[in-house]
PDB file of N, CA and C in Angstrom:
ATOM      1  N   MET A   1      -5.042  14.279   8.735  1.00  0.00           N
ATOM      2  CA  MET A   1      -5.467  14.907   9.992  1.00  0.00           C
ATOM      3  C   MET A   1      -6.275  16.149   9.686  1.00  0.00           C
ATOM      4  N   PHE A   2      -7.200  16.435  10.562  1.00  0.00           N
ATOM      5  CA  PHE A   2      -8.094  17.576  10.355  1.00  0.00           C
ATOM      6  C   PHE A   2      -7.521  18.816  11.019  1.00  0.00           C
ATOM      7  N   PHE A   3      -7.473  19.922  10.263  1.00  0.00           N
ATOM      8  CA  PHE A   3      -7.019  21.197  10.827  1.00  0.00           C
ATOM      9  C   PHE A   3      -8.074  22.259  10.554  1.00  0.00           C
ATOM     10  N   SER A   4      -8.291  23.128  11.520  1.00  0.00           N
ATOM     11  CA  SER A   4      -9.302  24.174  11.373  1.00  0.00           C
ATOM     12  C   SER A   4      -8.707  25.512  11.753  1.00  0.00           C
ATOM     13  N   ARG A   5      -9.081  26.548  11.012  1.00  0.00           N
ATOM     14  CA  ARG A   5      -8.616  27.888  11.344  1.00  0.00           C
ATOM     15  C   ARG A   5      -9.324  28.411  12.585  1.00  0.00           C
ATOM     16  N   HIS A   6     -10.485  27.856  12.887  1.00  0.00           N
ATOM     17  CA  HIS A   6     -11.274  28.351  14.009  1.00  0.00           C
ATOM     18  C   HIS A   6     -11.038  27.472  15.225  1.00  0.00           C
ATOM     19  N   PRO A   7     -10.581  28.024  16.346  1.00  0.00           N
ATOM     20  CA  PRO A   7     -10.339  27.216  17.551  1.00  0.00           C
ATOM     21  C   PRO A   7     -11.576  26.431  17.964  1.00  0.00           C
ATOM     22  N   SER A   8     -12.747  27.062  17.864  1.00  0.00           N
ATOM     23  CA  SER A   8     -13.967  26.361  18.279  1.00  0.00           C
ATOM     24  C   SER A   8     -14.188  25.117  17.431  1.00  0.00           C
ATOM     25  N   GLY A   9     -13.923  25.220  16.128  1.00  0.00           N
ATOM     26  CA  GLY A   9     -14.080  24.058  15.254  1.00  0.00           C
ATOM     27  C   GLY A   9     -13.106  22.949  15.628  1.00  0.00           C
ATOM     28  N   TRP A  10     -11.855  23.332  15.931  1.00  0.00           N
ATOM     29  CA  TRP A  10     -10.864  22.330  16.312  1.00  0.00           C
ATOM     30  C   TRP A  10     -11.254  21.667  17.627  1.00  0.00           C
ATOM     31  N   LEU A  11     -11.704  22.483  18.602  1.00  0.00           N
ATOM     32  CA  LEU A  11     -12.082  21.911  19.891  1.00  0.00           C
ATOM     33  C   LEU A  11     -13.250  20.950  19.716  1.00  0.00           C
ATOM     34  N   TYR A  12     -14.218  21.310  18.873  1.00  0.00           N
ATOM     35  CA  TYR A  12     -15.349  20.416  18.639  1.00  0.00           C
ATOM     36  C   TYR A  12     -14.867  19.108  18.019  1.00  0.00           C
ATOM     37  N   PHE A  13     -14.005  19.211  17.018  1.00  0.00           N
ATOM     38  CA  PHE A  13     -13.483  18.005  16.376  1.00  0.00           C
ATOM     39  C   PHE A  13     -12.742  17.144  17.386  1.00  0.00           C
ATOM     40  N   PHE A  14     -11.930  17.797  18.222  1.00  0.00           N
ATOM     41  CA  PHE A  14     -11.167  17.034  19.204  1.00  0.00           C
ATOM     42  C   PHE A  14     -12.097  16.349  20.195  1.00  0.00           C
ATOM     43  N   ARG A  15     -13.158  17.032  20.613  1.00  0.00           N
ATOM     44  CA  ARG A  15     -14.097  16.419  21.554  1.00  0.00           C
ATOM     45  C   ARG A  15     -14.773  15.213  20.929  1.00  0.00           C
ATOM     46  N   VAL A  16     -15.133  15.330  19.659  1.00  0.00           N
ATOM     47  CA  VAL A  16     -15.844  14.224  19.008  1.00  0.00           C
ATOM     48  C   VAL A  16     -14.930  13.023  18.818  1.00  0.00           C
ATOM     49  N   ASN A  17     -13.665  13.277  18.490  1.00  0.00           N
ATOM     50  CA  ASN A  17     -12.755  12.192  18.125  1.00  0.00           C
ATOM     51  C   ASN A  17     -11.703  11.923  19.191  1.00  0.00           C
ATOM     52  N   ARG A  18     -11.887  12.487  20.374  1.00  0.00           N
ATOM     53  CA  ARG A  18     -10.854  12.358  21.403  1.00  0.00           C
ATOM     54  C   ARG A  18     -10.600  10.895  21.744  1.00  0.00           C
ATOM     55  N   ASN A  19     -11.666  10.146  21.970  1.00  0.00           N
ATOM     56  CA  ASN A  19     -11.489   8.751  22.374  1.00  0.00           C
ATOM     57  C   ASN A  19     -10.756   7.965  21.296  1.00  0.00           C
ATOM     58  N   ILE A  20     -11.116   8.199  20.038  1.00  0.00           N
ATOM     59  CA  ILE A  20     -10.471   7.458  18.951  1.00  0.00           C
ATOM     60  C   ILE A  20      -8.999   7.828  18.869  1.00  0.00           C
ATOM     61  N   ILE A  21      -8.701   9.139  18.948  1.00  0.00           N
ATOM     62  CA  ILE A  21      -7.308   9.577  18.829  1.00  0.00           C
ATOM     63  C   ILE A  21      -6.483   9.002  19.973  1.00  0.00           C
ATOM     64  N   VAL A  22      -6.989   9.110  21.187  1.00  0.00           N
ATOM     65  CA  VAL A  22      -6.242   8.619  22.346  1.00  0.00           C
ATOM     66  C   VAL A  22      -6.051   7.110  22.253  1.00  0.00           C
ATOM     67  N   SER A  23      -7.096   6.392  21.861  1.00  0.00           N
ATOM     68  CA  SER A  23      -6.987   4.941  21.758  1.00  0.00           C
ATOM     69  C   SER A  23      -5.933   4.555  20.727  1.00  0.00           C
ATOM     70  N   ASP A  24      -5.971   5.196  19.547  1.00  0.00           N
ATOM     71  CA  ASP A  24      -4.992   4.880  18.516  1.00  0.00           C
ATOM     72  C   ASP A  24      -3.583   5.182  19.007  1.00  0.00           C
ATOM     73  N   PHE A  25      -3.411   6.312  19.697  1.00  0.00           N
ATOM     74  CA  PHE A  25      -2.078   6.671  20.183  1.00  0.00           C
ATOM     75  C   PHE A  25      -1.573   5.635  21.173  1.00  0.00           C
ATOM     76  N   LEU A  26      -2.427   5.233  22.111  1.00  0.00           N
ATOM     77  CA  LEU A  26      -1.993   4.260  23.109  1.00  0.00           C
ATOM     78  C   LEU A  26      -1.657   2.929  22.452  1.00  0.00           C
ATOM     79  N   ILE A  27      -2.471   2.509  21.495  1.00  0.00           N
ATOM     80  CA  ILE A  27      -2.210   1.236  20.821  1.00  0.00           C
ATOM     81  C   ILE A  27      -0.877   1.298  20.088  1.00  0.00           C
ATOM     82  N   GLN A  28      -0.645   2.378  19.329  1.00  0.00           N
ATOM     83  CA  GLN A  28       0.605   2.484  18.583  1.00  0.00           C
ATOM     84  C   GLN A  28       1.790   2.546  19.536  1.00  0.00           C
ATOM     85  N   TRP A  29       1.652   3.300  20.634  1.00  0.00           N
ATOM     86  CA  TRP A  29       2.757   3.424  21.584  1.00  0.00           C
ATOM     87  C   TRP A  29       3.082   2.065  22.194  1.00  0.00           C
ATOM     88  N   ASN A  30       2.055   1.318  22.563  1.00  0.00           N
ATOM     89  CA  ASN A  30       2.296   0.000  23.149  1.00  0.00           C
ATOM     90  C   ASN A  30       2.980  -0.921  22.146  1.00  0.00           C
ATOM     91  N   ILE A  31       2.531  -0.901  20.906  1.00  0.00           N
ATOM     92  CA  ILE A  31       3.121  -1.794  19.907  1.00  0.00           C
ATOM     93  C   ILE A  31       4.583  -1.435  19.681  1.00  0.00           C
ATOM     94  N   VAL A  32       4.897  -0.134  19.652  1.00  0.00           N
ATOM     95  CA  VAL A  32       6.272   0.281  19.359  1.00  0.00           C
ATOM     96  C   VAL A  32       7.180   0.037  20.556  1.00  0.00           C
ATOM     97  N   LYS A  33       6.707   0.387  21.758  1.00  0.00           N
ATOM     98  CA  LYS A  33       7.583   0.366  22.930  1.00  0.00           C
ATOM     99  C   LYS A  33       7.745  -1.033  23.511  1.00  0.00           C
ATOM    100  N   ILE A  34       6.673  -1.825  23.497  1.00  0.00           N
ATOM    101  CA  ILE A  34       6.724  -3.124  24.169  1.00  0.00           C
ATOM    102  C   ILE A  34       6.180  -4.212  23.249  1.00  0.00           C
ATOM    103  N   ASN A  35       6.605  -4.153  21.992  1.00  0.00           N
ATOM    104  CA  ASN A  35       6.105  -5.116  21.020  1.00  0.00           C
ATOM    105  C   ASN A  35       6.539  -6.524  21.384  1.00  0.00           C
ATOM    106  N   GLU A  36       7.765  -6.686  21.841  1.00  0.00           N
ATOM    107  CA  GLU A  36       8.280  -8.014  22.138  1.00  0.00           C
ATOM    108  C   GLU A  36       7.600  -8.617  23.361  1.00  0.00           C
ATOM    109  N   GLU A  37       7.254  -7.767  24.328  1.00  0.00           N
ATOM    110  CA  GLU A  37       6.645  -8.286  25.548  1.00  0.00           C
ATOM    111  C   GLU A  37       5.155  -8.553  25.371  1.00  0.00           C
ATOM    112  N   TYR A  38       4.534  -7.922  24.358  1.00  0.00           N
ATOM    113  CA  TYR A  38       3.091  -8.061  24.171  1.00  0.00           C
ATOM    114  C   TYR A  38       2.807  -8.570  22.763  1.00  0.00           C
ATOM    115  N   LYS A  39       3.341  -9.738  22.454  1.00  0.00           N
ATOM    116  CA  LYS A  39       3.080 -10.311  21.136  1.00  0.00           C
ATOM    117  C   LYS A  39       1.608 -10.698  20.986  1.00  0.00           C
ATOM    118  N   TYR A  40       0.907 -10.845  22.094  1.00  0.00           N
ATOM    119  CA  TYR A  40      -0.512 -11.192  22.053  1.00  0.00           C
ATOM    120  C   TYR A  40      -1.387  -9.957  22.052  1.00  0.00           C
ATOM    121  N   PHE A  41      -0.790  -8.760  21.974  1.00  0.00           N
ATOM    122  CA  PHE A  41      -1.575  -7.528  22.050  1.00  0.00           C
ATOM    123  C   PHE A  41      -2.533  -7.423  20.870  1.00  0.00           C
ATOM    124  N   ASN A  42      -2.106  -7.829  19.677  1.00  0.00           N
ATOM    125  CA  ASN A  42      -2.973  -7.749  18.508  1.00  0.00           C
ATOM    126  C   ASN A  42      -4.233  -8.583  18.712  1.00  0.00           C
ATOM    127  N   GLU A  43      -4.097  -9.751  19.304  1.00  0.00           N
ATOM    128  CA  GLU A  43      -5.270 -10.585  19.545  1.00  0.00           C
ATOM    129  C   GLU A  43      -6.225  -9.886  20.499  1.00  0.00           C
ATOM    130  N   ASP A  44      -5.673  -9.288  21.565  1.00  0.00           N
ATOM    131  CA  ASP A  44      -6.536  -8.573  22.501  1.00  0.00           C
ATOM    132  C   ASP A  44      -7.215  -7.401  21.812  1.00  0.00           C
ATOM    133  N   LYS A  45      -6.483  -6.683  20.963  1.00  0.00           N
ATOM    134  CA  LYS A  45      -7.050  -5.525  20.281  1.00  0.00           C
ATOM    135  C   LYS A  45      -8.202  -5.958  19.386  1.00  0.00           C
ATOM    136  N   GLN A  46      -8.027  -7.040  18.652  1.00  0.00           N
ATOM    137  CA  GLN A  46      -9.091  -7.514  17.778  1.00  0.00           C
ATOM    138  C   GLN A  46     -10.320  -7.887  18.598  1.00  0.00           C
ATOM    139  N   ALA A  47     -10.097  -8.523  19.731  1.00  0.00           N
ATOM    140  CA  ALA A  47     -11.226  -8.927  20.563  1.00  0.00           C
ATOM    141  C   ALA A  47     -11.965  -7.705  21.097  1.00  0.00           C
ATOM    142  N   ILE A  48     -11.199  -6.657  21.432  1.00  0.00           N
ATOM    143  CA  ILE A  48     -11.833  -5.477  22.020  1.00  0.00           C
ATOM    144  C   ILE A  48     -12.572  -4.672  20.964  1.00  0.00           C
ATOM    145  N   PHE A  49     -11.992  -4.539  19.767  1.00  0.00           N
ATOM    146  CA  PHE A  49     -12.529  -3.600  18.782  1.00  0.00           C
ATOM    147  C   PHE A  49     -13.409  -4.273  17.742  1.00  0.00           C
ATOM    148  N   ILE A  50     -13.809  -5.508  17.968  1.00  0.00           N
ATOM    149  CA  ILE A  50     -14.719  -6.153  17.012  1.00  0.00           C
ATOM    150  C   ILE A  50     -16.054  -5.420  17.011  1.00  0.00           C
TER     151      ILE A  50
END
């Protein structure tokens, strides 16, 4: 993970990578919390992120 001593640098990094971070978090949360109910989630993820 990227850490910066300067708030402006961190905010810039977060703005650039916000979508990726949020997407990864949601994907991991879904897999952990509802893995049994969404066994087809991996297939959907592959289709979306190709």
